[in-house]
C-alpha atoms as a PDB file:
ATOM      1  CA  UNK A   1       1.861  22.615 -15.509  1.00  0.00           C
ATOM      2  CA  UNK A   2       2.780  22.826 -11.880  1.00  0.00           C
ATOM      3  CA  UNK A   3       4.581  20.201  -9.877  1.00  0.00           C
ATOM      4  CA  UNK A   4       8.062  18.798  -9.563  1.00  0.00           C
ATOM      5  CA  UNK A   5      10.161  17.321 -12.349  1.00  0.00           C
ATOM      6  CA  UNK A   6      12.156  14.224 -11.359  1.00  0.00           C
ATOM      7  CA  UNK A   7      14.996  12.764 -13.434  1.00  0.00           C
ATOM      8  CA  UNK A   8      15.662   9.037 -13.231  1.00  0.00           C
ATOM      9  CA  UNK A   9      19.083   7.348 -13.551  1.00  0.00           C
ATOM     10  CA  UNK A  10      18.772   7.293 -17.349  1.00  0.00           C
ATOM     11  CA  UNK A  11      18.074  11.027 -17.517  1.00  0.00           C
ATOM     12  CA  UNK A  12      14.384  10.651 -18.336  1.00  0.00           C
ATOM     13  CA  UNK A  13      12.225  13.307 -16.691  1.00  0.00           C
ATOM     14  CA  UNK A  14       8.743  12.827 -15.271  1.00  0.00           C
ATOM     15  CA  UNK A  15       6.390  15.380 -13.764  1.00  0.00           C
ATOM     16  CA  UNK A  16       4.885  14.754 -10.347  1.00  0.00           C
ATOM     17  CA  UNK A  17       1.820  16.981 -10.091  1.00  0.00           C
ATOM     18  CA  UNK A  18       1.106  16.543  -6.382  1.00  0.00           C
ATOM     19  CA  UNK A  19       4.411  15.516  -4.800  1.00  0.00           C
ATOM     20  CA  UNK A  20       4.512  13.442  -1.631  1.00  0.00           C
ATOM     21  CA  UNK A  21       7.457  11.924   0.199  1.00  0.00           C
ATOM     22  CA  UNK A  22       6.711   8.542  -1.420  1.00  0.00           C
ATOM     23  CA  UNK A  23       6.885  10.165  -4.879  1.00  0.00           C
ATOM     24  CA  UNK A  24      10.594  10.724  -4.512  1.00  0.00           C
ATOM     25  CA  UNK A  25      11.476   7.323  -3.140  1.00  0.00           C
ATOM     26  CA  UNK A  26      12.508   4.201  -5.046  1.00  0.00           C
ATOM     27  CA  UNK A  27      10.163   3.491  -7.942  1.00  0.00           C
ATOM     28  CA  UNK A  28      10.808  -0.293  -8.015  1.00  0.00           C
ATOM     29  CA  UNK A  29       8.599  -2.220  -5.606  1.00  0.00           C
ATOM     30  CA  UNK A  30      10.255  -2.957  -2.289  1.00  0.00           C
ATOM     31  CA  UNK A  31       7.668  -5.603  -1.570  1.00  0.00           C
ATOM     32  CA  UNK A  32       6.630  -7.913  -4.415  1.00  0.00           C
ATOM     33  CA  UNK A  33       3.071  -7.500  -5.512  1.00  0.00           C
ATOM     34  CA  UNK A  34       2.641  -3.838  -4.586  1.00  0.00           C
ATOM     35  CA  UNK A  35       1.611  -0.755  -6.440  1.00  0.00           C
ATOM     36  CA  UNK A  36       4.366   1.291  -8.067  1.00  0.00           C
ATOM     37  CA  UNK A  37       2.472   4.434  -9.069  1.00  0.00           C
ATOM     38  CA  UNK A  38       4.151   7.645  -7.906  1.00  0.00           C
ATOM     39  CA  UNK A  39       2.873   8.466  -4.436  1.00  0.00           C
ATOM     40  CA  UNK A  40       1.156   5.089  -3.998  1.00  0.00           C
ATOM     41  CA  UNK A  41       1.731   3.285  -0.763  1.00  0.00           C
ATOM     42  CA  UNK A  42       2.656  -0.371  -0.914  1.00  0.00           C
ATOM     43  CA  UNK A  43       0.101  -2.847   0.377  1.00  0.00           C
ATOM     44  CA  UNK A  44       0.255  -6.446   1.531  1.00  0.00           C
ATOM     45  CA  UNK A  45      -2.395  -9.145   1.740  1.00  0.00           C
ATOM     46  CA  UNK A  46      -2.736 -10.641   5.220  1.00  0.00           C
ATOM     47  CA  UNK A  47      -4.371 -13.955   6.123  1.00  0.00           C
ATOM     48  CA  UNK A  48      -6.160 -12.963   9.347  1.00  0.00           C
ATOM     49  CA  UNK A  49      -6.460 -16.281  11.262  1.00  0.00           C
ATOM     50  CA  UNK A  50      -2.652 -16.532  11.492  1.00  0.00           C
ATOM     51  CA  UNK A  51      -1.732 -12.887  10.758  1.00  0.00           C
ATOM     52  CA  UNK A  52       0.407 -14.194   7.858  1.00  0.00           C
ATOM     53  CA  UNK A  53       1.536 -11.814   5.129  1.00  0.00           C
ATOM     54  CA  UNK A  54       1.033 -13.555   1.782  1.00  0.00           C
ATOM     55  CA  UNK A  55       4.346 -13.353  -0.090  1.00  0.00           C
ATOM     56  CA  UNK A  56       3.813 -15.888  -2.907  1.00  0.00           C
ATOM     57  CA  UNK A  57       1.140 -17.622  -4.910  1.00  0.00           C
ATOM     58  CA  UNK A  58       1.991 -20.933  -3.230  1.00  0.00           C
ATOM     59  CA  UNK A  59       1.133 -19.395   0.166  1.00  0.00           C
ATOM     60  CA  UNK A  60      -2.033 -17.854  -1.268  1.00  0.00           C
ATOM     61  CA  UNK A  61      -3.100 -21.094  -2.949  1.00  0.00           C
ATOM     62  CA  UNK A  62      -2.645 -22.986   0.335  1.00  0.00           C
ATOM     63  CA  UNK A  63      -4.820 -20.494   2.251  1.00  0.00           C
ATOM     64  CA  UNK A  64      -7.484 -20.315  -0.456  1.00  0.00           C
ATOM     65  CA  UNK A  65      -7.541 -24.136  -0.583  1.00  0.00           C
ATOM     66  CA  UNK A  66      -8.264 -24.220   3.150  1.00  0.00           C
ATOM     67  CA  UNK A  67     -11.284 -22.004   2.443  1.00  0.00           C
ATOM     68  CA  UNK A  68     -12.651 -24.255  -0.306  1.00  0.00           C
ATOM     69  CA  UNK A  69     -11.163 -22.514  -3.359  1.00  0.00           C
ATOM     70  CA  UNK A  70      -9.587 -24.666  -6.070  1.00  0.00           C
ATOM     71  CA  UNK A  71      -7.408 -23.873  -9.075  1.00  0.00           C
ATOM     72  CA  UNK A  72      -9.331 -23.322 -12.257  1.00  0.00           C
ATOM     73  CA  UNK A  73      -7.337 -24.121 -15.374  1.00  0.00           C
ATOM     74  CA  UNK A  74      -8.595 -21.908 -18.183  1.00  0.00           C
ATOM     75  CA  UNK A  75      -6.629 -22.730 -21.321  1.00  0.00           C
ATOM     76  CA  UNK A  76      -8.100 -19.746 -23.173  1.00  0.00           C
ATOM     77  CA  UNK A  77      -6.440 -17.343 -20.694  1.00  0.00           C
ATOM     78  CA  UNK A  78      -2.987 -18.764 -19.890  1.00  0.00           C
ATOM     79  CA  UNK A  79      -1.777 -15.381 -18.585  1.00  0.00           C
ATOM     80  CA  UNK A  80      -4.127 -15.695 -15.596  1.00  0.00           C
ATOM     81  CA  UNK A  81      -4.038 -17.778 -12.459  1.00  0.00           C
ATOM     82  CA  UNK A  82      -7.649 -18.466 -11.469  1.00  0.00           C
ATOM     83  CA  UNK A  83      -9.454 -19.976  -8.501  1.00  0.00           C
ATOM     84  CA  UNK A  84     -13.128 -20.860  -8.131  1.00  0.00           C
ATOM     85  CA  UNK A  85     -15.152 -21.630  -5.028  1.00  0.00           C
ATOM     86  CA  UNK A  86     -17.080 -24.615  -6.373  1.00  0.00           C
ATOM     87  CA  UNK A  87     -18.745 -25.857  -9.529  1.00  0.00           C
ATOM     88  CA  UNK A  88     -22.039 -24.441  -8.232  1.00  0.00           C
ATOM     89  CA  UNK A  89     -20.651 -20.961  -7.564  1.00  0.00           C
ATOM     90  CA  UNK A  90     -20.109 -18.015  -9.892  1.00  0.00           C
ATOM     91  CA  UNK A  91     -17.249 -16.686  -7.728  1.00  0.00           C
ATOM     92  CA  UNK A  92     -13.936 -16.575  -9.561  1.00  0.00           C
ATOM     93  CA  UNK A  93     -10.647 -14.982  -8.541  1.00  0.00           C
ATOM     94  CA  UNK A  94      -8.421 -14.011 -11.468  1.00  0.00           C
ATOM     95  CA  UNK A  95      -4.806 -13.049 -10.831  1.00  0.00           C
ATOM     96  CA  UNK A  96      -1.845 -12.272 -13.082  1.00  0.00           C
ATOM     97  CA  UNK A  97       0.339 -15.367 -13.510  1.00  0.00           C
ATOM     98  CA  UNK A  98       3.440 -13.481 -12.315  1.00  0.00           C
ATOM     99  CA  UNK A  99       3.299 -12.610  -8.590  1.00  0.00           C
ATOM    100  CA  UNK A 100       5.343  -9.457  -9.265  1.00  0.00           C
ATOM    101  CA  UNK A 101       2.219  -8.110 -11.027  1.00  0.00           C
ATOM    102  CA  UNK A 102      -0.057  -8.864  -8.044  1.00  0.00           C
ATOM    103  CA  UNK A 103      -1.534  -5.476  -7.109  1.00  0.00           C
ATOM    104  CA  UNK A 104      -3.886  -3.965  -4.557  1.00  0.00           C
ATOM    105  CA  UNK A 105      -6.781  -4.415  -6.994  1.00  0.00           C
ATOM    106  CA  UNK A 106      -6.264  -8.192  -6.893  1.00  0.00           C
ATOM    107  CA  UNK A 107      -5.859  -8.165  -3.110  1.00  0.00           C
ATOM    108  CA  UNK A 108      -9.161  -6.370  -2.623  1.00  0.00           C
ATOM    109  CA  UNK A 109     -10.904  -8.873  -4.914  1.00  0.00           C
ATOM    110  CA  UNK A 110      -9.705 -11.660  -2.602  1.00  0.00           C
ATOM    111  CA  UNK A 111     -10.799  -9.713   0.489  1.00  0.00           C
ATOM    112  CA  UNK A 112     -14.300  -9.068  -0.871  1.00  0.00           C
ATOM    113  CA  UNK A 113     -14.791 -12.761  -1.623  1.00  0.00           C
ATOM    114  CA  UNK A 114     -13.310 -13.894   1.723  1.00  0.00           C
ATOM    115  CA  UNK A 115     -14.250 -11.080   4.111  1.00  0.00           C
ATOM    116  CA  UNK A 116     -13.446 -12.738   7.428  1.00  0.00           C
ATOM    117  CA  UNK A 117     -10.151 -14.257   6.319  1.00  0.00           C
ATOM    118  CA  UNK A 118      -8.099 -11.640   4.442  1.00  0.00           C
ATOM    119  CA  UNK A 119      -7.223  -8.002   4.850  1.00  0.00           C
ATOM    120  CA  UNK A 120      -5.143  -5.511   2.860  1.00  0.00           C
ATOM    121  CA  UNK A 121      -2.692  -3.553   5.026  1.00  0.00           C
ATOM    122  CA  UNK A 122       0.140  -1.116   4.888  1.00  0.00           C
ATOM    123  CA  UNK A 123       3.292  -3.277   5.342  1.00  0.00           C
ATOM    124  CA  UNK A 124       4.501  -1.194   8.304  1.00  0.00           C
ATOM    125  CA  UNK A 125       1.540  -2.270  10.482  1.00  0.00           C
END
């Protein structure tokens, strides 16, 4: 096994196989809703018409509502927050109920279903 062993504050070691600068930085997300894997770069979802960084589900719900998406209440999956385009559409966006668990995977799902309106970016841009 090659790589670098890192010890956290509790003394637990973890091996980083391909170390990068980001691997050694704070493991807790600086920006809510970003990836926390070692070496992963945080991402943000941006609403393009206003260049607004989406920082909460209330902001996201407002923007999706403007695009014709409505909340879908699925009692069989209470851990998810879901939106659908219309009763005639098969498009469904499923997100974790807690915004802290909102990841790049979820952001890209929103972008694919709303190509001209959202973009995933590095927060420094």
